[in-house]
């Protein structure tokens, strides 16, 4: 009788241990599933930023030529100049002189015999030519000699290109799709894109698609090897220097133009925020838009007034 009772007790204990083991296994499985779910969530959140880190950086220590902008005072802010092939954001608020600066740089380089492309997503070609002529830059002659091309594009054509890029990523498209269209049989030394802000406006509520496009654009410019300037619209005193805040990390350089309000007048100023592969002065200096273009005063620092109105 005692033997049978002991046997029954043993069976009950074994069953209890088995149940505990099952519960422990189930808890472990649930915990692992929960952890996997969190890991997947983190991966999903990081996807847009992982794309950025995959973009190849130029090799450190690589010998590069440097280019001058030809703008009075701007070149003095650099040790040697802008490294050839760099992509540079030209950021600033309304009326700060971004378009004038880029048109002036293209005029200077075209006069030196370099091939230049100015891609506009806002103003008409004839308006930009007129703008250049008003400053005394003979745009028509540069165009005639084949040194300057002004190309107007519709930003909504870009969104269609992105759809094609996404289709290619999924294996549904077998042809290469370029982020911008360079004129046929024209290999530019210098490119201006005016502006990334206009392109971003065509991607309303499609932030992820815009980021994919921006990644492709910077890859394309790097592969092309041309020195490029990309205009972005910011606040008067910018906190970020581009539409998404990502572009300034992808770009090799950032030039910031300020249009600072002091009482009833506005003062123009410029700053080299960063320039990969080049030493530069780290200060905000005075700038003036004259009848013959932009003039920068590298020795005249702008103290105070940045970030506040007086």
C-alpha atoms as a PDB file:
ATOM      1  CA  UNK A   1       0.000   0.000   0.000  1.00  0.00           C
ATOM      2  CA  UNK A   2       2.821   2.377   0.915  1.00  0.00           C
ATOM      3  CA  UNK A   3       4.669   1.330  -2.252  1.00  0.00           C
ATOM      4  CA  UNK A   4       1.638   2.247  -4.441  1.00  0.00           C
ATOM      5  CA  UNK A   5       1.194   5.609  -2.632  1.00  0.00           C
ATOM      6  CA  UNK A   6       4.842   6.413  -3.189  1.00  0.00           C
ATOM      7  CA  UNK A   7       4.515   5.526  -6.861  1.00  0.00           C
ATOM      8  CA  UNK A   8       1.455   7.822  -7.235  1.00  0.00           C
ATOM      9  CA  UNK A   9       3.288  10.623  -5.433  1.00  0.00           C
ATOM     10  CA  UNK A  10       6.247  10.167  -7.787  1.00  0.00           C
ATOM     11  CA  UNK A  11       3.929  10.396 -10.834  1.00  0.00           C
ATOM     12  CA  UNK A  12       2.359  13.607  -9.501  1.00  0.00           C
ATOM     13  CA  UNK A  13       5.802  15.147  -8.854  1.00  0.00           C
ATOM     14  CA  UNK A  14       7.010  14.212 -12.357  1.00  0.00           C
ATOM     15  CA  UNK A  15       3.845  15.721 -13.857  1.00  0.00           C
ATOM     16  CA  UNK A  16       4.354  18.908 -11.819  1.00  0.00           C
ATOM     17  CA  UNK A  17       8.000  19.177 -12.939  1.00  0.00           C
ATOM     18  CA  UNK A  18       6.922  18.576 -16.533  1.00  0.00           C
ATOM     19  CA  UNK A  19       4.316  21.361 -16.282  1.00  0.00           C
ATOM     20  CA  UNK A  20       6.879  23.743 -14.795  1.00  0.00           C
ATOM     21  CA  UNK A  21       9.294  22.878 -17.619  1.00  0.00           C
ATOM     22  CA  UNK A  22       6.571  23.520 -20.238  1.00  0.00           C
ATOM     23  CA  UNK A  23       5.728  26.887 -18.665  1.00  0.00           C
ATOM     24  CA  UNK A  24       9.418  27.859 -18.536  1.00  0.00           C
ATOM     25  CA  UNK A  25       9.847  26.897 -22.201  1.00  0.00           C
ATOM     26  CA  UNK A  26       6.738  28.881 -23.192  1.00  0.00           C
ATOM     27  CA  UNK A  27       7.975  31.931 -21.203  1.00  0.00           C
ATOM     28  CA  UNK A  28      11.384  31.697 -22.871  1.00  0.00           C
ATOM     29  CA  UNK A  29       9.771  31.432 -26.321  1.00  0.00           C
ATOM     30  CA  UNK A  30       7.541  34.450 -25.617  1.00  0.00           C
ATOM     31  CA  UNK A  31      10.535  36.419 -24.324  1.00  0.00           C
ATOM     32  CA  UNK A  32      12.585  35.557 -27.412  1.00  0.00           C
ATOM     33  CA  UNK A  33       9.667  36.481 -29.681  1.00  0.00           C
ATOM     34  CA  UNK A  34       9.231  39.782 -27.849  1.00  0.00           C
ATOM     35  CA  UNK A  35      12.970  40.471 -28.145  1.00  0.00           C
ATOM     36  CA  UNK A  36      12.915  39.576 -31.853  1.00  0.00           C
ATOM     37  CA  UNK A  37       9.961  41.904 -32.322  1.00  0.00           C
ATOM     38  CA  UNK A  38      11.837  44.781 -30.705  1.00  0.00           C
ATOM     39  CA  UNK A  39      14.946  43.996 -32.756  1.00  0.00           C
ATOM     40  CA  UNK A  40      12.888  44.076 -35.963  1.00  0.00           C
ATOM     41  CA  UNK A  41      11.327  47.387 -34.894  1.00  0.00           C
ATOM     42  CA  UNK A  42      14.776  48.895 -34.288  1.00  0.00           C
ATOM     43  CA  UNK A  43      15.996  47.612 -37.661  1.00  0.00           C
ATOM     44  CA  UNK A  44      12.965  49.110 -39.383  1.00  0.00           C
ATOM     45  CA  UNK A  45      13.504  52.473 -37.668  1.00  0.00           C
ATOM     46  CA  UNK A  46      17.187  52.480 -38.597  1.00  0.00           C
ATOM     47  CA  UNK A  47      16.720  51.535 -42.265  1.00  0.00           C
ATOM     48  CA  UNK A  48      16.764  55.119 -43.645  1.00  0.00           C
ATOM     49  CA  UNK A  49      19.962  55.871 -41.702  1.00  0.00           C
ATOM     50  CA  UNK A  50      21.683  52.603 -42.652  1.00  0.00           C
ATOM     51  CA  UNK A  51      21.360  53.611 -46.291  1.00  0.00           C
ATOM     52  CA  UNK A  52      23.348  56.747 -45.541  1.00  0.00           C
ATOM     53  CA  UNK A  53      26.245  54.850 -43.950  1.00  0.00           C
ATOM     54  CA  UNK A  54      26.513  52.550 -46.977  1.00  0.00           C
ATOM     55  CA  UNK A  55      27.457  55.433 -49.270  1.00  0.00           C
ATOM     56  CA  UNK A  56      31.138  55.070 -50.055  1.00  0.00           C
ATOM     57  CA  UNK A  57      33.328  57.763 -48.570  1.00  0.00           C
ATOM     58  CA  UNK A  58      36.255  59.065 -50.571  1.00  0.00           C
ATOM     59  CA  UNK A  59      39.544  57.497 -49.532  1.00  0.00           C
ATOM     60  CA  UNK A  60      41.394  59.434 -46.825  1.00  0.00           C
ATOM     61  CA  UNK A  61      44.694  60.951 -47.823  1.00  0.00           C
ATOM     62  CA  UNK A  62      43.828  60.802 -51.538  1.00  0.00           C
ATOM     63  CA  UNK A  63      45.645  63.581 -53.422  1.00  0.00           C
ATOM     64  CA  UNK A  64      43.126  65.965 -54.984  1.00  0.00           C
ATOM     65  CA  UNK A  65      43.190  69.118 -57.024  1.00  0.00           C
ATOM     66  CA  UNK A  66      41.516  72.189 -55.582  1.00  0.00           C
ATOM     67  CA  UNK A  67      39.298  74.652 -57.427  1.00  0.00           C
ATOM     68  CA  UNK A  68      38.796  78.361 -56.885  1.00  0.00           C
ATOM     69  CA  UNK A  69      35.344  79.953 -57.098  1.00  0.00           C
ATOM     70  CA  UNK A  70      36.648  83.251 -58.473  1.00  0.00           C
ATOM     71  CA  UNK A  71      34.468  85.170 -55.992  1.00  0.00           C
ATOM     72  CA  UNK A  72      36.310  88.013 -54.248  1.00  0.00           C
ATOM     73  CA  UNK A  73      37.021  87.042 -50.659  1.00  0.00           C
ATOM     74  CA  UNK A  74      35.372  83.591 -50.726  1.00  0.00           C
ATOM     75  CA  UNK A  75      38.503  81.763 -51.889  1.00  0.00           C
ATOM     76  CA  UNK A  76      40.455  83.486 -49.089  1.00  0.00           C
ATOM     77  CA  UNK A  77      38.378  81.518 -46.543  1.00  0.00           C
ATOM     78  CA  UNK A  78      39.958  78.264 -47.782  1.00  0.00           C
ATOM     79  CA  UNK A  79      43.524  77.049 -47.350  1.00  0.00           C
ATOM     80  CA  UNK A  80      43.778  75.775 -50.965  1.00  0.00           C
ATOM     81  CA  UNK A  81      40.245  75.851 -52.367  1.00  0.00           C
ATOM     82  CA  UNK A  82      37.309  73.462 -52.778  1.00  0.00           C
ATOM     83  CA  UNK A  83      38.530  69.905 -53.422  1.00  0.00           C
ATOM     84  CA  UNK A  84      37.722  68.911 -56.996  1.00  0.00           C
ATOM     85  CA  UNK A  85      34.709  66.596 -57.206  1.00  0.00           C
ATOM     86  CA  UNK A  86      33.235  67.686 -53.863  1.00  0.00           C
ATOM     87  CA  UNK A  87      29.470  68.143 -53.498  1.00  0.00           C
ATOM     88  CA  UNK A  88      28.696  71.361 -51.628  1.00  0.00           C
ATOM     89  CA  UNK A  89      25.430  72.598 -50.125  1.00  0.00           C
ATOM     90  CA  UNK A  90      24.818  76.329 -50.524  1.00  0.00           C
ATOM     91  CA  UNK A  91      22.281  77.001 -47.781  1.00  0.00           C
ATOM     92  CA  UNK A  92      20.486  80.141 -46.668  1.00  0.00           C
ATOM     93  CA  UNK A  93      17.212  81.957 -46.182  1.00  0.00           C
ATOM     94  CA  UNK A  94      15.227  83.903 -48.758  1.00  0.00           C
ATOM     95  CA  UNK A  95      17.170  86.766 -50.326  1.00  0.00           C
ATOM     96  CA  UNK A  96      20.538  85.680 -48.919  1.00  0.00           C
ATOM     97  CA  UNK A  97      22.190  85.430 -52.372  1.00  0.00           C
ATOM     98  CA  UNK A  98      22.348  81.661 -52.975  1.00  0.00           C
ATOM     99  CA  UNK A  99      21.344  81.789 -56.659  1.00  0.00           C
ATOM    100  CA  UNK A 100      23.582  84.819 -57.332  1.00  0.00           C
ATOM    101  CA  UNK A 101      26.577  83.071 -55.756  1.00  0.00           C
ATOM    102  CA  UNK A 102      26.058  79.918 -57.811  1.00  0.00           C
ATOM    103  CA  UNK A 103      25.454  81.818 -61.074  1.00  0.00           C
ATOM    104  CA  UNK A 104      28.604  83.852 -60.393  1.00  0.00           C
ATOM    105  CA  UNK A 105      30.679  80.719 -59.786  1.00  0.00           C
ATOM    106  CA  UNK A 106      29.389  79.157 -63.018  1.00  0.00           C
ATOM    107  CA  UNK A 107      30.115  82.364 -64.961  1.00  0.00           C
ATOM    108  CA  UNK A 108      33.675  82.443 -63.576  1.00  0.00           C
ATOM    109  CA  UNK A 109      34.363  78.799 -64.368  1.00  0.00           C
ATOM    110  CA  UNK A 110      32.792  79.001 -67.862  1.00  0.00           C
ATOM    111  CA  UNK A 111      34.993  82.032 -68.647  1.00  0.00           C
ATOM    112  CA  UNK A 112      38.010  79.895 -67.665  1.00  0.00           C
ATOM    113  CA  UNK A 113      36.942  77.328 -70.278  1.00  0.00           C
ATOM    114  CA  UNK A 114      35.284  74.784 -67.981  1.00  0.00           C
ATOM    115  CA  UNK A 115      31.996  73.109 -68.886  1.00  0.00           C
ATOM    116  CA  UNK A 116      29.183  74.091 -66.526  1.00  0.00           C
ATOM    117  CA  UNK A 117      25.556  72.978 -66.110  1.00  0.00           C
ATOM    118  CA  UNK A 118      23.013  75.011 -64.141  1.00  0.00           C
ATOM    119  CA  UNK A 119      19.942  72.881 -63.396  1.00  0.00           C
ATOM    120  CA  UNK A 120      16.913  74.920 -62.363  1.00  0.00           C
ATOM    121  CA  UNK A 121      13.716  73.518 -60.862  1.00  0.00           C
ATOM    122  CA  UNK A 122      12.098  76.906 -60.284  1.00  0.00           C
ATOM    123  CA  UNK A 123      13.096  79.845 -62.518  1.00  0.00           C
ATOM    124  CA  UNK A 124      12.890  79.793 -66.319  1.00  0.00           C
ATOM    125  CA  UNK A 125      16.111  79.619 -68.335  1.00  0.00           C
ATOM    126  CA  UNK A 126      15.574  83.061 -69.921  1.00  0.00           C
ATOM    127  CA  UNK A 127      15.080  84.661 -66.489  1.00  0.00           C
ATOM    128  CA  UNK A 128      18.394  83.245 -65.261  1.00  0.00           C
ATOM    129  CA  UNK A 129      20.195  84.390 -68.422  1.00  0.00           C
ATOM    130  CA  UNK A 130      18.740  87.875 -67.919  1.00  0.00           C
ATOM    131  CA  UNK A 131      19.810  87.754 -64.272  1.00  0.00           C
ATOM    132  CA  UNK A 132      23.406  86.968 -65.313  1.00  0.00           C
ATOM    133  CA  UNK A 133      23.426  89.687 -67.970  1.00  0.00           C
ATOM    134  CA  UNK A 134      22.327  92.251 -65.349  1.00  0.00           C
ATOM    135  CA  UNK A 135      25.504  91.508 -63.376  1.00  0.00           C
ATOM    136  CA  UNK A 136      27.655  91.823 -66.502  1.00  0.00           C
ATOM    137  CA  UNK A 137      28.185  88.092 -67.052  1.00  0.00           C
ATOM    138  CA  UNK A 138      27.772  87.304 -70.768  1.00  0.00           C
ATOM    139  CA  UNK A 139      25.677  84.154 -70.401  1.00  0.00           C
ATOM    140  CA  UNK A 140      24.627  84.060 -74.078  1.00  0.00           C
ATOM    141  CA  UNK A 141      28.263  84.061 -75.222  1.00  0.00           C
ATOM    142  CA  UNK A 142      29.131  81.269 -72.745  1.00  0.00           C
ATOM    143  CA  UNK A 143      26.179  79.213 -74.006  1.00  0.00           C
ATOM    144  CA  UNK A 144      27.178  79.886 -77.629  1.00  0.00           C
ATOM    145  CA  UNK A 145      30.736  78.644 -76.950  1.00  0.00           C
ATOM    146  CA  UNK A 146      29.336  75.465 -75.374  1.00  0.00           C
ATOM    147  CA  UNK A 147      30.741  76.229 -71.918  1.00  0.00           C
ATOM    148  CA  UNK A 148      27.433  76.831 -70.128  1.00  0.00           C
ATOM    149  CA  UNK A 149      24.122  75.024 -70.277  1.00  0.00           C
ATOM    150  CA  UNK A 150      21.052  76.094 -68.316  1.00  0.00           C
ATOM    151  CA  UNK A 151      18.536  73.273 -68.053  1.00  0.00           C
ATOM    152  CA  UNK A 152      15.060  73.562 -66.554  1.00  0.00           C
ATOM    153  CA  UNK A 153      13.478  70.457 -65.033  1.00  0.00           C
ATOM    154  CA  UNK A 154      10.119  69.734 -63.476  1.00  0.00           C
ATOM    155  CA  UNK A 155      10.542  68.461 -59.880  1.00  0.00           C
ATOM    156  CA  UNK A 156       7.583  66.126 -60.392  1.00  0.00           C
ATOM    157  CA  UNK A 157       9.554  64.339 -63.132  1.00  0.00           C
ATOM    158  CA  UNK A 158      11.974  63.436 -60.338  1.00  0.00           C
ATOM    159  CA  UNK A 159       9.255  61.587 -58.406  1.00  0.00           C
ATOM    160  CA  UNK A 160       8.600  59.456 -61.482  1.00  0.00           C
ATOM    161  CA  UNK A 161      12.329  58.693 -61.657  1.00  0.00           C
ATOM    162  CA  UNK A 162      12.233  57.594 -58.020  1.00  0.00           C
ATOM    163  CA  UNK A 163       9.363  55.203 -58.738  1.00  0.00           C
ATOM    164  CA  UNK A 164      11.547  53.733 -61.490  1.00  0.00           C
ATOM    165  CA  UNK A 165      14.493  53.469 -59.048  1.00  0.00           C
ATOM    166  CA  UNK A 166      12.325  51.621 -56.533  1.00  0.00           C
ATOM    167  CA  UNK A 167      11.127  49.272 -59.269  1.00  0.00           C
ATOM    168  CA  UNK A 168      14.755  48.591 -60.178  1.00  0.00           C
ATOM    169  CA  UNK A 169      15.626  47.823 -56.535  1.00  0.00           C
ATOM    170  CA  UNK A 170      12.856  45.209 -56.537  1.00  0.00           C
ATOM    171  CA  UNK A 171      14.229  43.716 -59.760  1.00  0.00           C
ATOM    172  CA  UNK A 172      11.292  44.949 -61.832  1.00  0.00           C
ATOM    173  CA  UNK A 173      13.418  47.310 -63.954  1.00  0.00           C
ATOM    174  CA  UNK A 174      16.630  46.336 -65.736  1.00  0.00           C
ATOM    175  CA  UNK A 175      17.841  49.764 -66.898  1.00  0.00           C
ATOM    176  CA  UNK A 176      19.793  52.383 -64.936  1.00  0.00           C
ATOM    177  CA  UNK A 177      17.856  55.509 -63.956  1.00  0.00           C
ATOM    178  CA  UNK A 178      19.837  58.693 -63.282  1.00  0.00           C
ATOM    179  CA  UNK A 179      18.590  61.121 -60.578  1.00  0.00           C
ATOM    180  CA  UNK A 180      19.045  64.121 -62.927  1.00  0.00           C
ATOM    181  CA  UNK A 181      19.394  64.389 -66.683  1.00  0.00           C
ATOM    182  CA  UNK A 182      22.720  65.800 -67.887  1.00  0.00           C
ATOM    183  CA  UNK A 183      22.608  67.169 -71.470  1.00  0.00           C
ATOM    184  CA  UNK A 184      23.645  64.501 -73.986  1.00  0.00           C
ATOM    185  CA  UNK A 185      27.337  64.438 -75.010  1.00  0.00           C
ATOM    186  CA  UNK A 186      28.133  67.089 -72.387  1.00  0.00           C
ATOM    187  CA  UNK A 187      30.520  66.149 -69.592  1.00  0.00           C
ATOM    188  CA  UNK A 188      30.389  68.980 -67.041  1.00  0.00           C
ATOM    189  CA  UNK A 189      33.206  70.011 -64.742  1.00  0.00           C
ATOM    190  CA  UNK A 190      30.789  71.987 -62.548  1.00  0.00           C
ATOM    191  CA  UNK A 191      27.093  71.470 -61.735  1.00  0.00           C
ATOM    192  CA  UNK A 192      24.545  73.579 -59.857  1.00  0.00           C
ATOM    193  CA  UNK A 193      21.198  72.147 -58.703  1.00  0.00           C
ATOM    194  CA  UNK A 194      18.701  74.898 -57.849  1.00  0.00           C
ATOM    195  CA  UNK A 195      17.201  73.711 -55.626  1.00  0.00           C
ATOM    196  CA  UNK A 196      16.900  70.641 -53.385  1.00  0.00           C
ATOM    197  CA  UNK A 197      14.059  72.474 -51.614  1.00  0.00           C
ATOM    198  CA  UNK A 198      12.009  72.532 -54.840  1.00  0.00           C
ATOM    199  CA  UNK A 199      12.677  68.824 -55.358  1.00  0.00           C
ATOM    200  CA  UNK A 200      11.674  68.028 -51.747  1.00  0.00           C
ATOM    201  CA  UNK A 201       8.349  69.837 -52.252  1.00  0.00           C
ATOM    202  CA  UNK A 202       7.452  67.267 -54.915  1.00  0.00           C
ATOM    203  CA  UNK A 203       7.841  64.511 -52.278  1.00  0.00           C
ATOM    204  CA  UNK A 204       5.141  65.722 -49.865  1.00  0.00           C
ATOM    205  CA  UNK A 205       4.261  62.847 -47.479  1.00  0.00           C
ATOM    206  CA  UNK A 206       6.892  60.668 -49.203  1.00  0.00           C
ATOM    207  CA  UNK A 207       9.868  61.310 -46.947  1.00  0.00           C
ATOM    208  CA  UNK A 208      11.338  57.812 -47.374  1.00  0.00           C
ATOM    209  CA  UNK A 209      11.212  58.109 -51.180  1.00  0.00           C
ATOM    210  CA  UNK A 210      12.928  61.508 -50.957  1.00  0.00           C
ATOM    211  CA  UNK A 211      15.728  60.050 -48.855  1.00  0.00           C
ATOM    212  CA  UNK A 212      16.223  57.256 -51.382  1.00  0.00           C
ATOM    213  CA  UNK A 213      16.391  59.882 -54.119  1.00  0.00           C
ATOM    214  CA  UNK A 214      18.913  62.037 -52.210  1.00  0.00           C
ATOM    215  CA  UNK A 215      21.136  59.000 -51.620  1.00  0.00           C
ATOM    216  CA  UNK A 216      21.019  58.198 -55.349  1.00  0.00           C
ATOM    217  CA  UNK A 217      21.711  61.831 -56.278  1.00  0.00           C
ATOM    218  CA  UNK A 218      24.871  62.061 -54.153  1.00  0.00           C
ATOM    219  CA  UNK A 219      26.078  58.688 -55.477  1.00  0.00           C
ATOM    220  CA  UNK A 220      25.477  59.926 -59.025  1.00  0.00           C
ATOM    221  CA  UNK A 221      27.389  63.177 -58.443  1.00  0.00           C
ATOM    222  CA  UNK A 222      30.292  61.292 -56.852  1.00  0.00           C
ATOM    223  CA  UNK A 223      30.444  58.900 -59.797  1.00  0.00           C
ATOM    224  CA  UNK A 224      30.269  61.803 -62.277  1.00  0.00           C
ATOM    225  CA  UNK A 225      33.308  63.450 -60.666  1.00  0.00           C
ATOM    226  CA  UNK A 226      32.115  67.018 -61.263  1.00  0.00           C
ATOM    227  CA  UNK A 227      32.309  69.650 -58.518  1.00  0.00           C
ATOM    228  CA  UNK A 228      28.684  70.319 -57.603  1.00  0.00           C
ATOM    229  CA  UNK A 229      26.764  72.988 -55.700  1.00  0.00           C
ATOM    230  CA  UNK A 230      23.295  72.164 -54.364  1.00  0.00           C
ATOM    231  CA  UNK A 231      21.111  75.047 -53.203  1.00  0.00           C
ATOM    232  CA  UNK A 232      18.856  74.587 -50.168  1.00  0.00           C
ATOM    233  CA  UNK A 233      16.398  77.029 -48.598  1.00  0.00           C
ATOM    234  CA  UNK A 234      16.600  77.423 -44.816  1.00  0.00           C
ATOM    235  CA  UNK A 235      15.266  79.661 -42.080  1.00  0.00           C
ATOM    236  CA  UNK A 236      16.911  83.069 -41.677  1.00  0.00           C
ATOM    237  CA  UNK A 237      18.979  81.603 -38.825  1.00  0.00           C
ATOM    238  CA  UNK A 238      19.096  77.918 -39.779  1.00  0.00           C
ATOM    239  CA  UNK A 239      18.927  75.042 -37.314  1.00  0.00           C
ATOM    240  CA  UNK A 240      19.265  72.501 -40.114  1.00  0.00           C
ATOM    241  CA  UNK A 241      20.696  73.252 -43.536  1.00  0.00           C
ATOM    242  CA  UNK A 242      18.485  71.184 -45.829  1.00  0.00           C
ATOM    243  CA  UNK A 243      14.949  69.891 -46.322  1.00  0.00           C
ATOM    244  CA  UNK A 244      15.384  66.698 -44.282  1.00  0.00           C
ATOM    245  CA  UNK A 245      18.547  67.440 -42.301  1.00  0.00           C
ATOM    246  CA  UNK A 246      20.229  64.438 -43.969  1.00  0.00           C
ATOM    247  CA  UNK A 247      21.723  66.250 -46.970  1.00  0.00           C
ATOM    248  CA  UNK A 248      24.347  68.136 -44.948  1.00  0.00           C
ATOM    249  CA  UNK A 249      25.761  64.801 -43.741  1.00  0.00           C
ATOM    250  CA  UNK A 250      25.919  63.401 -47.274  1.00  0.00           C
ATOM    251  CA  UNK A 251      27.483  66.553 -48.746  1.00  0.00           C
ATOM    252  CA  UNK A 252      31.248  67.101 -48.648  1.00  0.00           C
ATOM    253  CA  UNK A 253      30.814  70.773 -47.811  1.00  0.00           C
ATOM    254  CA  UNK A 254      28.297  73.318 -46.528  1.00  0.00           C
ATOM    255  CA  UNK A 255      28.446  77.055 -47.283  1.00  0.00           C
ATOM    256  CA  UNK A 256      25.884  79.056 -45.283  1.00  0.00           C
ATOM    257  CA  UNK A 257      24.649  82.486 -46.386  1.00  0.00           C
ATOM    258  CA  UNK A 258      22.984  84.760 -43.850  1.00  0.00           C
ATOM    259  CA  UNK A 259      20.623  87.693 -44.318  1.00  0.00           C
ATOM    260  CA  UNK A 260      20.638  89.063 -40.772  1.00  0.00           C
ATOM    261  CA  UNK A 261      18.137  91.637 -39.598  1.00  0.00           C
ATOM    262  CA  UNK A 262      19.550  94.393 -37.395  1.00  0.00           C
ATOM    263  CA  UNK A 263      16.888  96.930 -36.556  1.00  0.00           C
ATOM    264  CA  UNK A 264      15.496  98.222 -39.862  1.00  0.00           C
ATOM    265  CA  UNK A 265      18.323  96.960 -42.054  1.00  0.00           C
ATOM    266  CA  UNK A 266      19.671  93.592 -43.143  1.00  0.00           C
ATOM    267  CA  UNK A 267      23.301  92.530 -43.263  1.00  0.00           C
ATOM    268  CA  UNK A 268      24.654  89.780 -45.502  1.00  0.00           C
ATOM    269  CA  UNK A 269      27.233  87.300 -44.200  1.00  0.00           C
ATOM    270  CA  UNK A 270      28.786  83.964 -45.157  1.00  0.00           C
ATOM    271  CA  UNK A 271      30.251  80.988 -43.309  1.00  0.00           C
ATOM    272  CA  UNK A 272      32.068  77.831 -44.415  1.00  0.00           C
ATOM    273  CA  UNK A 273      30.387  75.367 -42.077  1.00  0.00           C
ATOM    274  CA  UNK A 274      32.345  72.353 -43.319  1.00  0.00           C
ATOM    275  CA  UNK A 275      34.500  71.268 -46.259  1.00  0.00           C
ATOM    276  CA  UNK A 276      35.721  67.697 -46.326  1.00  0.00           C
ATOM    277  CA  UNK A 277      39.375  67.375 -47.264  1.00  0.00           C
ATOM    278  CA  UNK A 278      40.183  71.077 -46.869  1.00  0.00           C
ATOM    279  CA  UNK A 279      41.179  73.447 -44.063  1.00  0.00           C
ATOM    280  CA  UNK A 280      39.046  76.562 -43.860  1.00  0.00           C
ATOM    281  CA  UNK A 281      38.399  79.534 -41.626  1.00  0.00           C
ATOM    282  CA  UNK A 282      35.733  78.951 -38.994  1.00  0.00           C
ATOM    283  CA  UNK A 283      34.071  82.336 -38.755  1.00  0.00           C
ATOM    284  CA  UNK A 284      31.106  84.288 -40.090  1.00  0.00           C
ATOM    285  CA  UNK A 285      32.270  87.165 -42.275  1.00  0.00           C
ATOM    286  CA  UNK A 286      30.617  90.103 -44.006  1.00  0.00           C
ATOM    287  CA  UNK A 287      29.295  89.794 -47.544  1.00  0.00           C
ATOM    288  CA  UNK A 288      27.845  92.307 -49.979  1.00  0.00           C
ATOM    289  CA  UNK A 289      25.780  91.890 -53.142  1.00  0.00           C
ATOM    290  CA  UNK A 290      27.014  94.563 -55.565  1.00  0.00           C
ATOM    291  CA  UNK A 291      26.067  95.476 -59.148  1.00  0.00           C
ATOM    292  CA  UNK A 292      28.866  93.205 -60.378  1.00  0.00           C
ATOM    293  CA  UNK A 293      28.132  90.267 -58.059  1.00  0.00           C
ATOM    294  CA  UNK A 294      29.017  89.032 -54.594  1.00  0.00           C
ATOM    295  CA  UNK A 295      31.986  90.419 -52.667  1.00  0.00           C
ATOM    296  CA  UNK A 296      33.116  88.855 -49.387  1.00  0.00           C
ATOM    297  CA  UNK A 297      35.244  90.556 -46.718  1.00  0.00           C
ATOM    298  CA  UNK A 298      37.231  87.739 -45.010  1.00  0.00           C
ATOM    299  CA  UNK A 299      38.782  90.055 -42.394  1.00  0.00           C
ATOM    300  CA  UNK A 300      35.452  91.599 -41.359  1.00  0.00           C
ATOM    301  CA  UNK A 301      33.869  89.212 -38.858  1.00  0.00           C
ATOM    302  CA  UNK A 302      30.196  89.502 -38.029  1.00  0.00           C
ATOM    303  CA  UNK A 303      29.959  89.436 -34.208  1.00  0.00           C
ATOM    304  CA  UNK A 304      26.548  89.061 -32.530  1.00  0.00           C
ATOM    305  CA  UNK A 305      23.212  89.329 -34.273  1.00  0.00           C
ATOM    306  CA  UNK A 306      23.283  85.654 -35.257  1.00  0.00           C
ATOM    307  CA  UNK A 307      20.230  84.037 -33.746  1.00  0.00           C
ATOM    308  CA  UNK A 308      18.738  87.260 -32.395  1.00  0.00           C
ATOM    309  CA  UNK A 309      17.048  90.333 -33.758  1.00  0.00           C
ATOM    310  CA  UNK A 310      18.056  93.751 -32.455  1.00  0.00           C
END
